[in-house]
Amino acid sequence: IYLHYQPSYHHLHVHFTALGYDAPGSAVERAHLLADVIDNLATDSSY
């Protein structure tokens, strides 16, 4: 479960993919796991 940065379109959206599926854009360079995003924002609002 992740967000892209840079996104392909500029309206917040979250991707849900099967863990075993190598979805386009799911690599670490572009995908930010939603659980990590939540933790980062809980620690620092302007992260």
PDB file of all heavy atoms in Angstrom:
ATOM      1  N   ILE A   1       0.871  -1.177   0.000  1.00  0.00           N
ATOM      2  CA  ILE A   1       0.000   0.000   0.000  1.00  0.00           C
ATOM      3  C   ILE A   1       0.905   1.224   0.000  1.00  0.00           C
ATOM      4  O   ILE A   1       1.664   1.441   0.951  1.00  0.00           O
ATOM      5  CB  ILE A   1      -0.931  -0.016   1.235  1.00  0.00           C
ATOM      6  CG1 ILE A   1      -1.689  -1.350   1.293  1.00  0.00           C
ATOM      7  CG2 ILE A   1      -1.884   1.173   1.200  1.00  0.00           C
ATOM      8  CD1 ILE A   1      -2.361  -1.624   2.618  1.00  0.00           C
ATOM      9  N   TYR A   2       0.818   2.016  -1.070  1.00  0.00           N
ATOM     10  CA  TYR A   2       1.817   3.074  -1.234  1.00  0.00           C
ATOM     11  C   TYR A   2       1.290   4.257  -2.044  1.00  0.00           C
ATOM     12  O   TYR A   2       0.264   4.178  -2.705  1.00  0.00           O
ATOM     13  CB  TYR A   2       3.067   2.512  -1.908  1.00  0.00           C
ATOM     14  CG  TYR A   2       2.797   1.847  -3.242  1.00  0.00           C
ATOM     15  CD1 TYR A   2       2.927   2.548  -4.432  1.00  0.00           C
ATOM     16  CD2 TYR A   2       2.403   0.516  -3.313  1.00  0.00           C
ATOM     17  CE1 TYR A   2       2.674   1.941  -5.657  1.00  0.00           C
ATOM     18  CE2 TYR A   2       2.155  -0.100  -4.524  1.00  0.00           C
ATOM     19  CZ  TYR A   2       2.287   0.631  -5.694  1.00  0.00           C
ATOM     20  OH  TYR A   2       2.031   0.025  -6.904  1.00  0.00           O
ATOM     21  N   LEU A   3       2.049   5.344  -1.969  1.00  0.00           N
ATOM     22  CA  LEU A   3       1.814   6.546  -2.759  1.00  0.00           C
ATOM     23  C   LEU A   3       3.017   6.740  -3.663  1.00  0.00           C
ATOM     24  O   LEU A   3       4.141   6.399  -3.278  1.00  0.00           O
ATOM     25  CB  LEU A   3       1.700   7.784  -1.864  1.00  0.00           C
ATOM     26  CG  LEU A   3       0.536   7.859  -0.899  1.00  0.00           C
ATOM     27  CD1 LEU A   3       0.888   7.199   0.412  1.00  0.00           C
ATOM     28  CD2 LEU A   3       0.200   9.305  -0.646  1.00  0.00           C
ATOM     29  N   HIS A   4       2.801   7.300  -4.827  1.00  0.00           N
ATOM     30  CA  HIS A   4       3.904   7.634  -5.728  1.00  0.00           C
ATOM     31  C   HIS A   4       4.371   9.069  -5.495  1.00  0.00           C
ATOM     32  O   HIS A   4       3.570   9.953  -5.244  1.00  0.00           O
ATOM     33  CB  HIS A   4       3.462   7.545  -7.195  1.00  0.00           C
ATOM     34  CG  HIS A   4       3.413   6.167  -7.721  1.00  0.00           C
ATOM     35  ND1 HIS A   4       2.525   5.795  -8.700  1.00  0.00           N
ATOM     36  CD2 HIS A   4       4.121   5.057  -7.426  1.00  0.00           C
ATOM     37  CE1 HIS A   4       2.701   4.513  -8.983  1.00  0.00           C
ATOM     38  NE2 HIS A   4       3.652   4.046  -8.214  1.00  0.00           N
ATOM     39  N   TYR A   5       5.666   9.251  -5.621  1.00  0.00           N
ATOM     40  CA  TYR A   5       6.211  10.599  -5.757  1.00  0.00           C
ATOM     41  C   TYR A   5       7.319  10.501  -6.785  1.00  0.00           C
ATOM     42  O   TYR A   5       8.231   9.702  -6.603  1.00  0.00           O
ATOM     43  CB  TYR A   5       6.769  11.149  -4.436  1.00  0.00           C
ATOM     44  CG  TYR A   5       7.079  12.616  -4.598  1.00  0.00           C
ATOM     45  CD1 TYR A   5       6.063  13.553  -4.528  1.00  0.00           C
ATOM     46  CD2 TYR A   5       8.365  13.051  -4.883  1.00  0.00           C
ATOM     47  CE1 TYR A   5       6.330  14.896  -4.720  1.00  0.00           C
ATOM     48  CE2 TYR A   5       8.632  14.385  -5.077  1.00  0.00           C
ATOM     49  CZ  TYR A   5       7.616  15.303  -4.987  1.00  0.00           C
ATOM     50  OH  TYR A   5       7.878  16.628  -5.193  1.00  0.00           O
ATOM     51  N   GLN A   6       7.152  11.189  -7.805  1.00  0.00           N
ATOM     52  CA  GLN A   6       6.134  12.043  -8.339  1.00  0.00           C
ATOM     53  C   GLN A   6       4.917  11.209  -8.772  1.00  0.00           C
ATOM     54  O   GLN A   6       5.075  10.159  -9.347  1.00  0.00           O
ATOM     55  CB  GLN A   6       6.674  12.759  -9.584  1.00  0.00           C
ATOM     56  CG  GLN A   6       7.727  13.767  -9.335  1.00  0.00           C
ATOM     57  CD  GLN A   6       7.100  15.151  -9.038  1.00  0.00           C
ATOM     58  OE1 GLN A   6       5.920  15.423  -9.277  1.00  0.00           O
ATOM     59  NE2 GLN A   6       7.875  16.016  -8.496  1.00  0.00           N
ATOM     60  N   PRO A   7       3.715  11.755  -8.549  1.00  0.00           N
ATOM     61  CA  PRO A   7       2.530  11.015  -8.976  1.00  0.00           C
ATOM     62  C   PRO A   7       2.294  11.171 -10.481  1.00  0.00           C
ATOM     63  O   PRO A   7       2.759  12.126 -11.090  1.00  0.00           O
ATOM     64  CB  PRO A   7       1.405  11.695  -8.186  1.00  0.00           C
ATOM     65  CG  PRO A   7       1.894  13.092  -7.958  1.00  0.00           C
ATOM     66  CD  PRO A   7       3.397  12.988  -7.828  1.00  0.00           C
ATOM     67  N   SER A   8       1.554  10.225 -11.042  1.00  0.00           N
ATOM     68  CA  SER A   8       1.237  10.308 -12.471  1.00  0.00           C
ATOM     69  C   SER A   8       0.115  11.313 -12.728  1.00  0.00           C
ATOM     70  O   SER A   8      -0.025  11.818 -13.838  1.00  0.00           O
ATOM     71  CB  SER A   8       0.865   8.933 -13.022  1.00  0.00           C
ATOM     72  OG  SER A   8      -0.154   8.360 -12.234  1.00  0.00           O
ATOM     73  N   TYR A   9      -0.701  11.608 -11.717  1.00  0.00           N
ATOM     74  CA  TYR A   9      -1.692  12.686 -11.813  1.00  0.00           C
ATOM     75  C   TYR A   9      -1.805  13.320 -10.431  1.00  0.00           C
ATOM     76  O   TYR A   9      -1.622  12.670  -9.406  1.00  0.00           O
ATOM     77  CB  TYR A   9      -3.056  12.201 -12.326  1.00  0.00           C
ATOM     78  CG  TYR A   9      -3.625  10.989 -11.629  1.00  0.00           C
ATOM     79  CD1 TYR A   9      -4.494  11.116 -10.552  1.00  0.00           C
ATOM     80  CD2 TYR A   9      -3.304   9.708 -12.064  1.00  0.00           C
ATOM     81  CE1 TYR A   9      -5.028  10.002  -9.927  1.00  0.00           C
ATOM     82  CE2 TYR A   9      -3.830   8.587 -11.444  1.00  0.00           C
ATOM     83  CZ  TYR A   9      -4.683   8.747 -10.375  1.00  0.00           C
ATOM     84  OH  TYR A   9      -5.202   7.643  -9.759  1.00  0.00           O
ATOM     85  N   HIS A  10      -2.079  14.609 -10.420  1.00  0.00           N
ATOM     86  CA  HIS A  10      -2.026  15.392  -9.190  1.00  0.00           C
ATOM     87  C   HIS A  10      -3.380  15.501  -8.494  1.00  0.00           C
ATOM     88  O   HIS A  10      -4.015  16.545  -8.475  1.00  0.00           O
ATOM     89  CB  HIS A  10      -1.409  16.765  -9.469  1.00  0.00           C
ATOM     90  CG  HIS A  10       0.050  16.658  -9.773  1.00  0.00           C
ATOM     91  ND1 HIS A  10       1.008  16.558  -8.792  1.00  0.00           N
ATOM     92  CD2 HIS A  10       0.707  16.568 -10.943  1.00  0.00           C
ATOM     93  CE1 HIS A  10       2.196  16.439  -9.346  1.00  0.00           C
ATOM     94  NE2 HIS A  10       2.040  16.438 -10.661  1.00  0.00           N
ATOM     95  N   HIS A  11      -3.805  14.382  -7.950  1.00  0.00           N
ATOM     96  CA  HIS A  11      -4.933  14.264  -7.039  1.00  0.00           C
ATOM     97  C   HIS A  11      -4.528  13.116  -6.137  1.00  0.00           C
ATOM     98  O   HIS A  11      -4.218  12.015  -6.640  1.00  0.00           O
ATOM     99  CB  HIS A  11      -6.233  13.933  -7.779  1.00  0.00           C
ATOM    100  CG  HIS A  11      -7.398  13.792  -6.851  1.00  0.00           C
ATOM    101  ND1 HIS A  11      -8.250  14.836  -6.581  1.00  0.00           N
ATOM    102  CD2 HIS A  11      -7.820  12.751  -6.101  1.00  0.00           C
ATOM    103  CE1 HIS A  11      -9.165  14.431  -5.711  1.00  0.00           C
ATOM    104  NE2 HIS A  11      -8.926  13.169  -5.404  1.00  0.00           N
ATOM    105  N   LEU A  12      -4.487  13.335  -4.823  1.00  0.00           N
ATOM    106  CA  LEU A  12      -3.942  12.311  -3.936  1.00  0.00           C
ATOM    107  C   LEU A  12      -4.659  10.981  -4.137  1.00  0.00           C
ATOM    108  O   LEU A  12      -5.895  10.915  -4.104  1.00  0.00           O
ATOM    109  CB  LEU A  12      -4.033  12.734  -2.470  1.00  0.00           C
ATOM    110  CG  LEU A  12      -3.278  11.785  -1.533  1.00  0.00           C
ATOM    111  CD1 LEU A  12      -1.770  11.940  -1.708  1.00  0.00           C
ATOM    112  CD2 LEU A  12      -3.674  12.002  -0.087  1.00  0.00           C
ATOM    113  N   HIS A  13      -3.876   9.952  -4.352  1.00  0.00           N
ATOM    114  CA  HIS A  13      -4.395   8.603  -4.497  1.00  0.00           C
ATOM    115  C   HIS A  13      -3.384   7.627  -3.911  1.00  0.00           C
ATOM    116  O   HIS A  13      -2.195   7.908  -3.853  1.00  0.00           O
ATOM    117  CB  HIS A  13      -4.702   8.274  -5.963  1.00  0.00           C
ATOM    118  CG  HIS A  13      -3.523   8.422  -6.876  1.00  0.00           C
ATOM    119  ND1 HIS A  13      -3.042   9.651  -7.297  1.00  0.00           N
ATOM    120  CD2 HIS A  13      -2.736   7.483  -7.464  1.00  0.00           C
ATOM    121  CE1 HIS A  13      -1.999   9.460  -8.097  1.00  0.00           C
ATOM    122  NE2 HIS A  13      -1.797   8.152  -8.209  1.00  0.00           N
ATOM    123  N   VAL A  14      -3.899   6.495  -3.458  1.00  0.00           N
ATOM    124  CA  VAL A  14      -3.078   5.470  -2.817  1.00  0.00           C
ATOM    125  C   VAL A  14      -3.255   4.170  -3.589  1.00  0.00           C
ATOM    126  O   VAL A  14      -4.375   3.774  -3.923  1.00  0.00           O
ATOM    127  CB  VAL A  14      -3.470   5.282  -1.338  1.00  0.00           C
ATOM    128  CG1 VAL A  14      -2.660   4.174  -0.688  1.00  0.00           C
ATOM    129  CG2 VAL A  14      -3.311   6.595  -0.565  1.00  0.00           C
ATOM    130  N   HIS A  15      -2.136   3.503  -3.858  1.00  0.00           N
ATOM    131  CA  HIS A  15      -2.133   2.242  -4.599  1.00  0.00           C
ATOM    132  C   HIS A  15      -2.191   1.061  -3.634  1.00  0.00           C
ATOM    133  O   HIS A  15      -1.484   1.045  -2.629  1.00  0.00           O
ATOM    134  CB  HIS A  15      -0.848   2.130  -5.430  1.00  0.00           C
ATOM    135  CG  HIS A  15      -0.668   3.252  -6.394  1.00  0.00           C
ATOM    136  ND1 HIS A  15      -0.938   3.130  -7.735  1.00  0.00           N
ATOM    137  CD2 HIS A  15      -0.247   4.531  -6.216  1.00  0.00           C
ATOM    138  CE1 HIS A  15      -0.696   4.273  -8.335  1.00  0.00           C
ATOM    139  NE2 HIS A  15      -0.282   5.149  -7.433  1.00  0.00           N
ATOM    140  N   PHE A  16      -3.012   0.086  -3.966  1.00  0.00           N
ATOM    141  CA  PHE A  16      -3.087  -1.189  -3.242  1.00  0.00           C
ATOM    142  C   PHE A  16      -2.768  -2.279  -4.257  1.00  0.00           C
ATOM    143  O   PHE A  16      -3.530  -2.465  -5.213  1.00  0.00           O
ATOM    144  CB  PHE A  16      -4.506  -1.431  -2.704  1.00  0.00           C
ATOM    145  CG  PHE A  16      -4.903  -0.573  -1.545  1.00  0.00           C
ATOM    146  CD1 PHE A  16      -5.258   0.760  -1.724  1.00  0.00           C
ATOM    147  CD2 PHE A  16      -4.947  -1.101  -0.259  1.00  0.00           C
ATOM    148  CE1 PHE A  16      -5.654   1.551  -0.657  1.00  0.00           C
ATOM    149  CE2 PHE A  16      -5.340  -0.312   0.821  1.00  0.00           C
ATOM    150  CZ  PHE A  16      -5.692   1.015   0.622  1.00  0.00           C
ATOM    151  N   THR A  17      -1.660  -2.973  -4.075  1.00  0.00           N
ATOM    152  CA  THR A  17      -1.305  -4.049  -4.996  1.00  0.00           C
ATOM    153  C   THR A  17      -0.993  -5.324  -4.221  1.00  0.00           C
ATOM    154  O   THR A  17      -0.648  -5.272  -3.041  1.00  0.00           O
ATOM    155  CB  THR A  17      -0.081  -3.686  -5.873  1.00  0.00           C
ATOM    156  OG1 THR A  17       1.058  -3.480  -5.037  1.00  0.00           O
ATOM    157  CG2 THR A  17      -0.336  -2.437  -6.701  1.00  0.00           C
ATOM    158  N   ALA A  18      -1.122  -6.451  -4.915  1.00  0.00           N
ATOM    159  CA  ALA A  18      -0.725  -7.721  -4.319  1.00  0.00           C
ATOM    160  C   ALA A  18       0.764  -7.668  -4.029  1.00  0.00           C
ATOM    161  O   ALA A  18       1.554  -7.160  -4.836  1.00  0.00           O
ATOM    162  CB  ALA A  18      -1.043  -8.871  -5.275  1.00  0.00           C
ATOM    163  N   LEU A  19       1.151  -8.162  -2.877  1.00  0.00           N
ATOM    164  CA  LEU A  19       2.546  -8.094  -2.439  1.00  0.00           C
ATOM    165  C   LEU A  19       3.499  -8.729  -3.444  1.00  0.00           C
ATOM    166  O   LEU A  19       4.577  -8.206  -3.689  1.00  0.00           O
ATOM    167  CB  LEU A  19       2.677  -8.767  -1.071  1.00  0.00           C
ATOM    168  CG  LEU A  19       3.946  -8.502  -0.279  1.00  0.00           C
ATOM    169  CD1 LEU A  19       4.173  -7.012  -0.088  1.00  0.00           C
ATOM    170  CD2 LEU A  19       3.857  -9.194   1.071  1.00  0.00           C
ATOM    171  N   GLY A  20       3.089  -9.807  -4.068  1.00  0.00           N
ATOM    172  CA  GLY A  20       3.953 -10.495  -5.025  1.00  0.00           C
ATOM    173  C   GLY A  20       3.970  -9.888  -6.412  1.00  0.00           C
ATOM    174  O   GLY A  20       4.749 -10.318  -7.271  1.00  0.00           O
ATOM    175  N   TYR A  21       3.139  -8.898  -6.658  1.00  0.00           N
ATOM    176  CA  TYR A  21       3.039  -8.289  -7.986  1.00  0.00           C
ATOM    177  C   TYR A  21       4.040  -7.142  -8.103  1.00  0.00           C
ATOM    178  O   TYR A  21       4.044  -6.225  -7.299  1.00  0.00           O
ATOM    179  CB  TYR A  21       1.614  -7.798  -8.217  1.00  0.00           C
ATOM    180  CG  TYR A  21       1.391  -7.070  -9.516  1.00  0.00           C
ATOM    181  CD1 TYR A  21       1.863  -7.573 -10.722  1.00  0.00           C
ATOM    182  CD2 TYR A  21       0.689  -5.879  -9.545  1.00  0.00           C
ATOM    183  CE1 TYR A  21       1.647  -6.903 -11.913  1.00  0.00           C
ATOM    184  CE2 TYR A  21       0.447  -5.198 -10.735  1.00  0.00           C
ATOM    185  CZ  TYR A  21       0.942  -5.719 -11.907  1.00  0.00           C
ATOM    186  OH  TYR A  21       0.722  -5.055 -13.093  1.00  0.00           O
ATOM    187  N   ASP A  22       4.875  -7.210  -9.114  1.00  0.00           N
ATOM    188  CA  ASP A  22       5.860  -6.157  -9.356  1.00  0.00           C
ATOM    189  C   ASP A  22       5.206  -5.074 -10.210  1.00  0.00           C
ATOM    190  O   ASP A  22       5.461  -4.957 -11.402  1.00  0.00           O
ATOM    191  CB  ASP A  22       7.088  -6.757 -10.053  1.00  0.00           C
ATOM    192  CG  ASP A  22       8.234  -5.768 -10.168  1.00  0.00           C
ATOM    193  OD1 ASP A  22       8.248  -4.772  -9.420  1.00  0.00           O
ATOM    194  OD2 ASP A  22       9.109  -5.989 -11.022  1.00  0.00           O
ATOM    195  N   ALA A  23       4.351  -4.303  -9.577  1.00  0.00           N
ATOM    196  CA  ALA A  23       3.585  -3.280 -10.285  1.00  0.00           C
ATOM    197  C   ALA A  23       4.490  -2.150 -10.753  1.00  0.00           C
ATOM    198  O   ALA A  23       5.467  -1.812 -10.080  1.00  0.00           O
ATOM    199  CB  ALA A  23       2.499  -2.725  -9.373  1.00  0.00           C
ATOM    200  N   PRO A  24       4.182  -1.547 -11.898  1.00  0.00           N
ATOM    201  CA  PRO A  24       4.951  -0.390 -12.346  1.00  0.00           C
ATOM    202  C   PRO A  24       4.922   0.707 -11.281  1.00  0.00           C
ATOM    203  O   PRO A  24       3.860   1.025 -10.740  1.00  0.00           O
ATOM    204  CB  PRO A  24       4.212   0.071 -13.610  1.00  0.00           C
ATOM    205  CG  PRO A  24       3.409  -1.108 -14.054  1.00  0.00           C
ATOM    206  CD  PRO A  24       3.091  -1.883 -12.814  1.00  0.00           C
ATOM    207  N   GLY A  25       6.084   1.239 -10.949  1.00  0.00           N
ATOM    208  CA  GLY A  25       6.157   2.315  -9.965  1.00  0.00           C
ATOM    209  C   GLY A  25       6.155   1.856  -8.521  1.00  0.00           C
ATOM    210  O   GLY A  25       6.059   2.677  -7.617  1.00  0.00           O
ATOM    211  N   SER A  26       6.246   0.544  -8.285  1.00  0.00           N
ATOM    212  CA  SER A  26       6.240   0.069  -6.900  1.00  0.00           C
ATOM    213  C   SER A  26       7.642  -0.038  -6.313  1.00  0.00           C
ATOM    214  O   SER A  26       7.803  -0.397  -5.154  1.00  0.00           O
ATOM    215  CB  SER A  26       5.530  -1.289  -6.797  1.00  0.00           C
ATOM    216  OG  SER A  26       6.247  -2.289  -7.497  1.00  0.00           O
ATOM    217  N   ALA A  27       8.663   0.323  -7.091  1.00  0.00           N
ATOM    218  CA  ALA A  27      10.045   0.268  -6.605  1.00  0.00           C
ATOM    219  C   ALA A  27      10.296   1.383  -5.593  1.00  0.00           C
ATOM    220  O   ALA A  27       9.606   2.399  -5.560  1.00  0.00           O
ATOM    221  CB  ALA A  27      11.021   0.395  -7.777  1.00  0.00           C
ATOM    222  N   VAL A  28      11.318   1.196  -4.803  1.00  0.00           N
ATOM    223  CA  VAL A  28      11.623   2.105  -3.704  1.00  0.00           C
ATOM    224  C   VAL A  28      11.890   3.540  -4.162  1.00  0.00           C
ATOM    225  O   VAL A  28      11.655   4.483  -3.414  1.00  0.00           O
ATOM    226  CB  VAL A  28      12.798   1.549  -2.864  1.00  0.00           C
ATOM    227  CG1 VAL A  28      14.098   1.615  -3.643  1.00  0.00           C
ATOM    228  CG2 VAL A  28      12.907   2.272  -1.544  1.00  0.00           C
ATOM    229  N   GLU A  29      12.336   3.736  -5.392  1.00  0.00           N
ATOM    230  CA  GLU A  29      12.632   5.094  -5.859  1.00  0.00           C
ATOM    231  C   GLU A  29      11.383   5.947  -6.002  1.00  0.00           C
ATOM    232  O   GLU A  29      11.464   7.160  -5.989  1.00  0.00           O
ATOM    233  CB  GLU A  29      13.333   5.062  -7.230  1.00  0.00           C
ATOM    234  CG  GLU A  29      14.656   4.353  -7.238  1.00  0.00           C
ATOM    235  CD  GLU A  29      14.499   2.855  -7.453  1.00  0.00           C
ATOM    236  OE1 GLU A  29      13.401   2.385  -7.864  1.00  0.00           O
ATOM    237  OE2 GLU A  29      15.477   2.143  -7.204  1.00  0.00           O
ATOM    238  N   ARG A  30      10.242   5.321  -6.167  1.00  0.00           N
ATOM    239  CA  ARG A  30       9.018   6.076  -6.435  1.00  0.00           C
ATOM    240  C   ARG A  30       7.917   5.832  -5.417  1.00  0.00           C
ATOM    241  O   ARG A  30       7.077   6.694  -5.182  1.00  0.00           O
ATOM    242  CB  ARG A  30       8.514   5.720  -7.829  1.00  0.00           C
ATOM    243  CG  ARG A  30       7.358   6.570  -8.262  1.00  0.00           C
ATOM    244  CD  ARG A  30       7.257   6.653  -9.761  1.00  0.00           C
ATOM    245  NE  ARG A  30       6.120   7.489 -10.107  1.00  0.00           N
ATOM    246  CZ  ARG A  30       5.232   7.190 -11.006  1.00  0.00           C
ATOM    247  NH1 ARG A  30       5.351   6.084 -11.714  1.00  0.00           N
ATOM    248  NH2 ARG A  30       4.234   8.000 -11.253  1.00  0.00           N
ATOM    249  N   ALA A  31       7.898   4.659  -4.808  1.00  0.00           N
ATOM    250  CA  ALA A  31       6.809   4.273  -3.910  1.00  0.00           C
ATOM    251  C   ALA A  31       7.157   4.597  -2.456  1.00  0.00           C
ATOM    252  O   ALA A  31       8.250   4.310  -1.987  1.00  0.00           O
ATOM    253  CB  ALA A  31       6.517   2.783  -4.060  1.00  0.00           C
ATOM    254  N   HIS A  32       6.191   5.196  -1.778  1.00  0.00           N
ATOM    255  CA  HIS A  32       6.325   5.505  -0.355  1.00  0.00           C
ATOM    256  C   HIS A  32       5.204   4.757   0.361  1.00  0.00           C
ATOM    257  O   HIS A  32       4.015   5.040   0.122  1.00  0.00           O
ATOM    258  CB  HIS A  32       6.213   7.019  -0.114  1.00  0.00           C
ATOM    259  CG  HIS A  32       7.314   7.776  -0.776  1.00  0.00           C
ATOM    260  ND1 HIS A  32       8.442   8.191  -0.099  1.00  0.00           N
ATOM    261  CD2 HIS A  32       7.479   8.162  -2.063  1.00  0.00           C
ATOM    262  CE1 HIS A  32       9.248   8.824  -0.943  1.00  0.00           C
ATOM    263  NE2 HIS A  32       8.680   8.803  -2.142  1.00  0.00           N
ATOM    264  N   LEU A  33       5.571   3.794   1.202  1.00  0.00           N
ATOM    265  CA  LEU A  33       4.575   2.971   1.874  1.00  0.00           C
ATOM    266  C   LEU A  33       3.676   3.834   2.753  1.00  0.00           C
ATOM    267  O   LEU A  33       4.159   4.703   3.498  1.00  0.00           O
ATOM    268  CB  LEU A  33       5.250   1.894   2.714  1.00  0.00           C
ATOM    269  CG  LEU A  33       6.053   0.847   1.938  1.00  0.00           C
ATOM    270  CD1 LEU A  33       6.772  -0.089   2.892  1.00  0.00           C
ATOM    271  CD2 LEU A  33       5.164   0.077   0.972  1.00  0.00           C
ATOM    272  N   LEU A  34       2.376   3.599   2.668  1.00  0.00           N
ATOM    273  CA  LEU A  34       1.421   4.405   3.410  1.00  0.00           C
ATOM    274  C   LEU A  34       1.673   4.319   4.911  1.00  0.00           C
ATOM    275  O   LEU A  34       1.586   5.327   5.610  1.00  0.00           O
ATOM    276  CB  LEU A  34      -0.017   3.996   3.076  1.00  0.00           C
ATOM    277  CG  LEU A  34      -1.128   4.772   3.793  1.00  0.00           C
ATOM    278  CD1 LEU A  34      -1.009   6.275   3.563  1.00  0.00           C
ATOM    279  CD2 LEU A  34      -2.489   4.267   3.352  1.00  0.00           C
ATOM    280  N   ALA A  35       2.008   3.151   5.426  1.00  0.00           N
ATOM    281  CA  ALA A  35       2.287   3.022   6.862  1.00  0.00           C
ATOM    282  C   ALA A  35       3.469   3.903   7.263  1.00  0.00           C
ATOM    283  O   ALA A  35       3.447   4.527   8.335  1.00  0.00           O
ATOM    284  CB  ALA A  35       2.553   1.561   7.224  1.00  0.00           C
ATOM    285  N   ASP A  36       4.492   3.979   6.415  1.00  0.00           N
ATOM    286  CA  ASP A  36       5.643   4.842   6.702  1.00  0.00           C
ATOM    287  C   ASP A  36       5.251   6.315   6.630  1.00  0.00           C
ATOM    288  O   ASP A  36       5.709   7.128   7.444  1.00  0.00           O
ATOM    289  CB  ASP A  36       6.779   4.575   5.716  1.00  0.00           C
ATOM    290  CG  ASP A  36       7.422   3.217   5.910  1.00  0.00           C
ATOM    291  OD1 ASP A  36       7.208   2.585   6.970  1.00  0.00           O
ATOM    292  OD2 ASP A  36       8.141   2.779   4.989  1.00  0.00           O
ATOM    293  N   VAL A  37       4.427   6.671   5.655  1.00  0.00           N
ATOM    294  CA  VAL A  37       3.964   8.060   5.525  1.00  0.00           C
ATOM    295  C   VAL A  37       3.219   8.465   6.797  1.00  0.00           C
ATOM    296  O   VAL A  37       3.452   9.550   7.349  1.00  0.00           O
ATOM    297  CB  VAL A  37       3.080   8.233   4.275  1.00  0.00           C
ATOM    298  CG1 VAL A  37       2.407   9.595   4.262  1.00  0.00           C
ATOM    299  CG2 VAL A  37       3.904   8.019   3.003  1.00  0.00           C
ATOM    300  N   ILE A  38       2.343   7.600   7.285  1.00  0.00           N
ATOM    301  CA  ILE A  38       1.594   7.877   8.511  1.00  0.00           C
ATOM    302  C   ILE A  38       2.549   8.068   9.684  1.00  0.00           C
ATOM    303  O   ILE A  38       2.430   9.035  10.450  1.00  0.00           O
ATOM    304  CB  ILE A  38       0.568   6.752   8.783  1.00  0.00           C
ATOM    305  CG1 ILE A  38      -0.557   6.815   7.743  1.00  0.00           C
ATOM    306  CG2 ILE A  38       0.017   6.835  10.210  1.00  0.00           C
ATOM    307  CD1 ILE A  38      -1.498   5.619   7.741  1.00  0.00           C
ATOM    308  N   ASP A  39       3.517   7.170   9.828  1.00  0.00           N
ATOM    309  CA  ASP A  39       4.494   7.287  10.929  1.00  0.00           C
ATOM    310  C   ASP A  39       5.302   8.573  10.815  1.00  0.00           C
ATOM    311  O   ASP A  39       5.531   9.257  11.821  1.00  0.00           O
ATOM    312  CB  ASP A  39       5.439   6.082  10.941  1.00  0.00           C
ATOM    313  CG  ASP A  39       4.790   4.814  11.459  1.00  0.00           C
ATOM    314  OD1 ASP A  39       3.695   4.891  12.069  1.00  0.00           O
ATOM    315  OD2 ASP A  39       5.368   3.736  11.253  1.00  0.00           O
ATOM    316  N   ASN A  40       5.738   8.917   9.619  1.00  0.00           N
ATOM    317  CA  ASN A  40       6.536  10.129   9.433  1.00  0.00           C
ATOM    318  C   ASN A  40       5.741  11.377   9.802  1.00  0.00           C
ATOM    319  O   ASN A  40       6.268  12.288  10.455  1.00  0.00           O
ATOM    320  CB  ASN A  40       7.033  10.235   7.990  1.00  0.00           C
ATOM    321  CG  ASN A  40       8.082   9.192   7.665  1.00  0.00           C
ATOM    322  OD1 ASN A  40       8.754   8.665   8.542  1.00  0.00           O
ATOM    323  ND2 ASN A  40       8.205   8.868   6.395  1.00  0.00           N
ATOM    324  N   LEU A  41       4.477  11.439   9.393  1.00  0.00           N
ATOM    325  CA  LEU A  41       3.643  12.598   9.701  1.00  0.00           C
ATOM    326  C   LEU A  41       3.267  12.665  11.177  1.00  0.00           C
ATOM    327  O   LEU A  41       3.112  13.752  11.735  1.00  0.00           O
ATOM    328  CB  LEU A  41       2.389  12.609   8.835  1.00  0.00           C
ATOM    329  CG  LEU A  41       2.620  12.860   7.347  1.00  0.00           C
ATOM    330  CD1 LEU A  41       1.337  12.648   6.565  1.00  0.00           C
ATOM    331  CD2 LEU A  41       3.185  14.258   7.111  1.00  0.00           C
ATOM    332  N   ALA A  42       3.126  11.509  11.812  1.00  0.00           N
ATOM    333  CA  ALA A  42       2.828  11.487  13.250  1.00  0.00           C
ATOM    334  C   ALA A  42       4.020  12.015  14.049  1.00  0.00           C
ATOM    335  O   ALA A  42       3.845  12.622  15.104  1.00  0.00           O
ATOM    336  CB  ALA A  42       2.467  10.064  13.684  1.00  0.00           C
ATOM    337  N   THR A  43       5.221  11.816  13.524  1.00  0.00           N
ATOM    338  CA  THR A  43       6.438  12.295  14.177  1.00  0.00           C
ATOM    339  C   THR A  43       6.698  13.766  13.884  1.00  0.00           C
ATOM    340  O   THR A  43       7.109  14.522  14.756  1.00  0.00           O
ATOM    341  CB  THR A  43       7.650  11.452  13.699  1.00  0.00           C
ATOM    342  OG1 THR A  43       7.396  10.082  14.004  1.00  0.00           O
ATOM    343  CG2 THR A  43       8.927  11.889  14.387  1.00  0.00           C
ATOM    344  N   ASP A  44       6.462  14.169  12.627  1.00  0.00           N
ATOM    345  CA  ASP A  44       6.752  15.537  12.191  1.00  0.00           C
ATOM    346  C   ASP A  44       5.704  15.952  11.163  1.00  0.00           C
ATOM    347  O   ASP A  44       5.709  15.462  10.036  1.00  0.00           O
ATOM    348  CB  ASP A  44       8.158  15.597  11.585  1.00  0.00           C
ATOM    349  CG  ASP A  44       8.539  16.956  11.044  1.00  0.00           C
ATOM    350  OD1 ASP A  44       7.725  17.909  11.121  1.00  0.00           O
ATOM    351  OD2 ASP A  44       9.663  17.078  10.524  1.00  0.00           O
ATOM    352  N   SER A  45       4.836  16.877  11.547  1.00  0.00           N
ATOM    353  CA  SER A  45       3.721  17.285  10.697  1.00  0.00           C
ATOM    354  C   SER A  45       4.157  17.813   9.332  1.00  0.00           C
ATOM    355  O   SER A  45       3.450  17.647   8.347  1.00  0.00           O
ATOM    356  CB  SER A  45       2.880  18.343  11.408  1.00  0.00           C
ATOM    357  OG  SER A  45       1.800  18.735  10.596  1.00  0.00           O
ATOM    358  N   SER A  46       5.308  18.434   9.257  1.00  0.00           N
ATOM    359  CA  SER A  46       5.760  19.017   7.984  1.00  0.00           C
ATOM    360  C   SER A  46       6.847  18.173   7.307  1.00  0.00           C
ATOM    361  O   SER A  46       7.588  18.670   6.461  1.00  0.00           O
ATOM    362  CB  SER A  46       6.256  20.447   8.207  1.00  0.00           C
ATOM    363  OG  SER A  46       7.329  20.453   9.122  1.00  0.00           O
ATOM    364  N   TYR A  47       6.899  16.912   7.650  1.00  0.00           N
ATOM    365  CA  TYR A  47       7.935  16.004   7.137  1.00  0.00           C
ATOM    366  C   TYR A  47       8.068  16.085   5.613  1.00  0.00           C
ATOM    367  O   TYR A  47       9.161  16.230   5.084  1.00  0.00           O
ATOM    368  CB  TYR A  47       7.598  14.571   7.560  1.00  0.00           C
ATOM    369  CG  TYR A  47       8.639  13.553   7.161  1.00  0.00           C
ATOM    370  CD1 TYR A  47       9.715  13.274   7.989  1.00  0.00           C
ATOM    371  CD2 TYR A  47       8.542  12.849   5.965  1.00  0.00           C
ATOM    372  CE1 TYR A  47      10.673  12.334   7.644  1.00  0.00           C
ATOM    373  CE2 TYR A  47       9.493  11.907   5.603  1.00  0.00           C
ATOM    374  CZ  TYR A  47      10.549  11.665   6.443  1.00  0.00           C
ATOM    375  OH  TYR A  47      11.495  10.736   6.087  1.00  0.00           O
TER     376      TYR A  47
END
